[in-house]
């Protein structure tokens, strides 16, 4: 019987180490998801702040000279416009 119990204990240890690694993977994936959500929110805040700065009288060239250019926002707009540009116009037979 001792051999059976010892074998069971070893098997449990092996399973526990496997469970631990999967638990760490789940935690890491959750953290990535949380950070991606925070990044998306930060990008929205950045865009709003940029628009607010331009409404307060700053122009694009001035903001660029200050190191506050709008390159990231422009890249996001370009990637969202591309699929729309590829669609045929309404009423046009393709």
C-alpha atoms as a PDB file:
ATOM      1  CA  UNK A   1       0.000   0.000   0.000  1.00  0.00           C
ATOM      2  CA  UNK A   2       2.822   2.379   0.726  1.00  0.00           C
ATOM      3  CA  UNK A   3       3.968   2.207  -2.869  1.00  0.00           C
ATOM      4  CA  UNK A   4       0.481   3.095  -4.106  1.00  0.00           C
ATOM      5  CA  UNK A   5       0.217   6.107  -1.797  1.00  0.00           C
ATOM      6  CA  UNK A   6       3.711   7.290  -2.711  1.00  0.00           C
ATOM      7  CA  UNK A   7       2.876   6.992  -6.390  1.00  0.00           C
ATOM      8  CA  UNK A   8      -0.360   8.929  -5.892  1.00  0.00           C
ATOM      9  CA  UNK A   9       1.508  11.675  -4.039  1.00  0.00           C
ATOM     10  CA  UNK A  10       4.064  11.970  -6.833  1.00  0.00           C
ATOM     11  CA  UNK A  11       1.280  12.093  -9.419  1.00  0.00           C
ATOM     12  CA  UNK A  12      -0.484  14.849  -7.443  1.00  0.00           C
ATOM     13  CA  UNK A  13       2.745  16.853  -7.283  1.00  0.00           C
ATOM     14  CA  UNK A  14       3.154  16.570 -11.035  1.00  0.00           C
ATOM     15  CA  UNK A  15      -0.449  17.603 -11.638  1.00  0.00           C
ATOM     16  CA  UNK A  16      -0.152  20.510  -9.207  1.00  0.00           C
ATOM     17  CA  UNK A  17       2.895  21.845 -11.038  1.00  0.00           C
ATOM     18  CA  UNK A  18       0.970  21.638 -14.319  1.00  0.00           C
ATOM     19  CA  UNK A  19      -2.003  23.422 -12.742  1.00  0.00           C
ATOM     20  CA  UNK A  20       0.347  26.107 -11.402  1.00  0.00           C
ATOM     21  CA  UNK A  21       1.762  26.804 -14.861  1.00  0.00           C
ATOM     22  CA  UNK A  22      -1.712  27.080 -16.389  1.00  0.00           C
ATOM     23  CA  UNK A  23      -2.788  29.339 -13.525  1.00  0.00           C
ATOM     24  CA  UNK A  24       0.169  31.642 -14.256  1.00  0.00           C
ATOM     25  CA  UNK A  25      -0.749  31.647 -17.951  1.00  0.00           C
ATOM     26  CA  UNK A  26      -4.334  32.635 -17.163  1.00  0.00           C
ATOM     27  CA  UNK A  27      -3.132  35.437 -14.870  1.00  0.00           C
ATOM     28  CA  UNK A  28      -0.758  36.712 -17.565  1.00  0.00           C
ATOM     29  CA  UNK A  29      -3.509  36.685 -20.208  1.00  0.00           C
ATOM     30  CA  UNK A  30      -5.864  38.543 -17.878  1.00  0.00           C
ATOM     31  CA  UNK A  31      -3.190  41.172 -17.249  1.00  0.00           C
ATOM     32  CA  UNK A  32      -2.618  41.590 -20.993  1.00  0.00           C
ATOM     33  CA  UNK A  33      -6.357  42.085 -21.527  1.00  0.00           C
ATOM     34  CA  UNK A  34      -6.537  44.641 -18.727  1.00  0.00           C
ATOM     35  CA  UNK A  35      -3.541  46.560 -20.070  1.00  0.00           C
ATOM     36  CA  UNK A  36      -4.927  46.518 -23.623  1.00  0.00           C
ATOM     37  CA  UNK A  37      -8.183  47.997 -22.312  1.00  0.00           C
ATOM     38  CA  UNK A  38      -6.228  50.659 -20.420  1.00  0.00           C
ATOM     39  CA  UNK A  39      -4.186  51.446 -23.536  1.00  0.00           C
ATOM     40  CA  UNK A  40      -7.332  51.821 -25.645  1.00  0.00           C
ATOM     41  CA  UNK A  41      -8.775  54.215 -23.058  1.00  0.00           C
ATOM     42  CA  UNK A  42      -5.500  56.167 -22.907  1.00  0.00           C
ATOM     43  CA  UNK A  43      -5.506  56.518 -26.715  1.00  0.00           C
ATOM     44  CA  UNK A  44      -9.042  57.911 -26.600  1.00  0.00           C
ATOM     45  CA  UNK A  45      -7.995  60.375 -23.899  1.00  0.00           C
ATOM     46  CA  UNK A  46      -4.955  61.375 -25.967  1.00  0.00           C
ATOM     47  CA  UNK A  47      -7.098  62.041 -29.022  1.00  0.00           C
ATOM     48  CA  UNK A  48      -9.575  64.124 -27.010  1.00  0.00           C
ATOM     49  CA  UNK A  49      -6.743  66.122 -25.448  1.00  0.00           C
ATOM     50  CA  UNK A  50      -5.201  66.752 -28.871  1.00  0.00           C
ATOM     51  CA  UNK A  51      -8.512  68.006 -30.244  1.00  0.00           C
ATOM     52  CA  UNK A  52      -8.977  70.180 -27.174  1.00  0.00           C
ATOM     53  CA  UNK A  53      -5.499  71.675 -27.662  1.00  0.00           C
ATOM     54  CA  UNK A  54      -6.279  72.532 -31.283  1.00  0.00           C
ATOM     55  CA  UNK A  55      -9.589  74.106 -30.254  1.00  0.00           C
ATOM     56  CA  UNK A  56      -7.685  76.190 -27.704  1.00  0.00           C
ATOM     57  CA  UNK A  57      -5.620  77.710 -30.508  1.00  0.00           C
ATOM     58  CA  UNK A  58      -2.662  75.385 -30.937  1.00  0.00           C
ATOM     59  CA  UNK A  59      -2.052  74.390 -34.532  1.00  0.00           C
ATOM     60  CA  UNK A  60      -0.620  71.105 -35.755  1.00  0.00           C
ATOM     61  CA  UNK A  61       2.809  72.584 -36.563  1.00  0.00           C
ATOM     62  CA  UNK A  62       3.154  74.143 -33.104  1.00  0.00           C
ATOM     63  CA  UNK A  63       2.199  70.917 -31.385  1.00  0.00           C
ATOM     64  CA  UNK A  64       4.624  68.993 -33.596  1.00  0.00           C
ATOM     65  CA  UNK A  65       7.455  71.367 -32.631  1.00  0.00           C
ATOM     66  CA  UNK A  66       6.622  70.592 -29.001  1.00  0.00           C
ATOM     67  CA  UNK A  67       6.904  66.868 -29.724  1.00  0.00           C
ATOM     68  CA  UNK A  68       3.144  66.437 -29.597  1.00  0.00           C
ATOM     69  CA  UNK A  69       2.431  65.487 -33.191  1.00  0.00           C
ATOM     70  CA  UNK A  70      -0.654  63.618 -34.256  1.00  0.00           C
ATOM     71  CA  UNK A  71       1.073  60.720 -36.050  1.00  0.00           C
ATOM     72  CA  UNK A  72      -0.519  57.970 -33.972  1.00  0.00           C
ATOM     73  CA  UNK A  73      -4.025  59.346 -34.451  1.00  0.00           C
ATOM     74  CA  UNK A  74      -3.412  59.768 -38.179  1.00  0.00           C
ATOM     75  CA  UNK A  75      -2.210  56.161 -38.502  1.00  0.00           C
ATOM     76  CA  UNK A  76      -5.336  54.911 -36.717  1.00  0.00           C
ATOM     77  CA  UNK A  77      -7.570  56.918 -39.056  1.00  0.00           C
ATOM     78  CA  UNK A  78      -5.758  55.591 -42.154  1.00  0.00           C
ATOM     79  CA  UNK A  79      -6.162  51.977 -41.112  1.00  0.00           C
ATOM     80  CA  UNK A  80      -9.864  52.436 -40.451  1.00  0.00           C
ATOM     81  CA  UNK A  81     -10.448  54.213 -43.777  1.00  0.00           C
ATOM     82  CA  UNK A  82      -8.780  51.606 -46.001  1.00  0.00           C
ATOM     83  CA  UNK A  83     -11.624  49.061 -45.926  1.00  0.00           C
ATOM     84  CA  UNK A  84     -14.171  51.776 -46.761  1.00  0.00           C
ATOM     85  CA  UNK A  85     -12.094  52.901 -49.740  1.00  0.00           C
ATOM     86  CA  UNK A  86     -12.141  49.391 -51.171  1.00  0.00           C
ATOM     87  CA  UNK A  87     -15.926  49.103 -51.095  1.00  0.00           C
ATOM     88  CA  UNK A  88     -17.722  49.844 -54.379  1.00  0.00           C
ATOM     89  CA  UNK A  89     -19.906  52.939 -54.400  1.00  0.00           C
ATOM     90  CA  UNK A  90     -23.633  52.412 -54.077  1.00  0.00           C
ATOM     91  CA  UNK A  91     -25.409  52.060 -57.375  1.00  0.00           C
ATOM     92  CA  UNK A  92     -22.234  51.037 -59.204  1.00  0.00           C
ATOM     93  CA  UNK A  93     -22.179  47.509 -60.595  1.00  0.00           C
ATOM     94  CA  UNK A  94     -18.884  45.773 -59.902  1.00  0.00           C
END
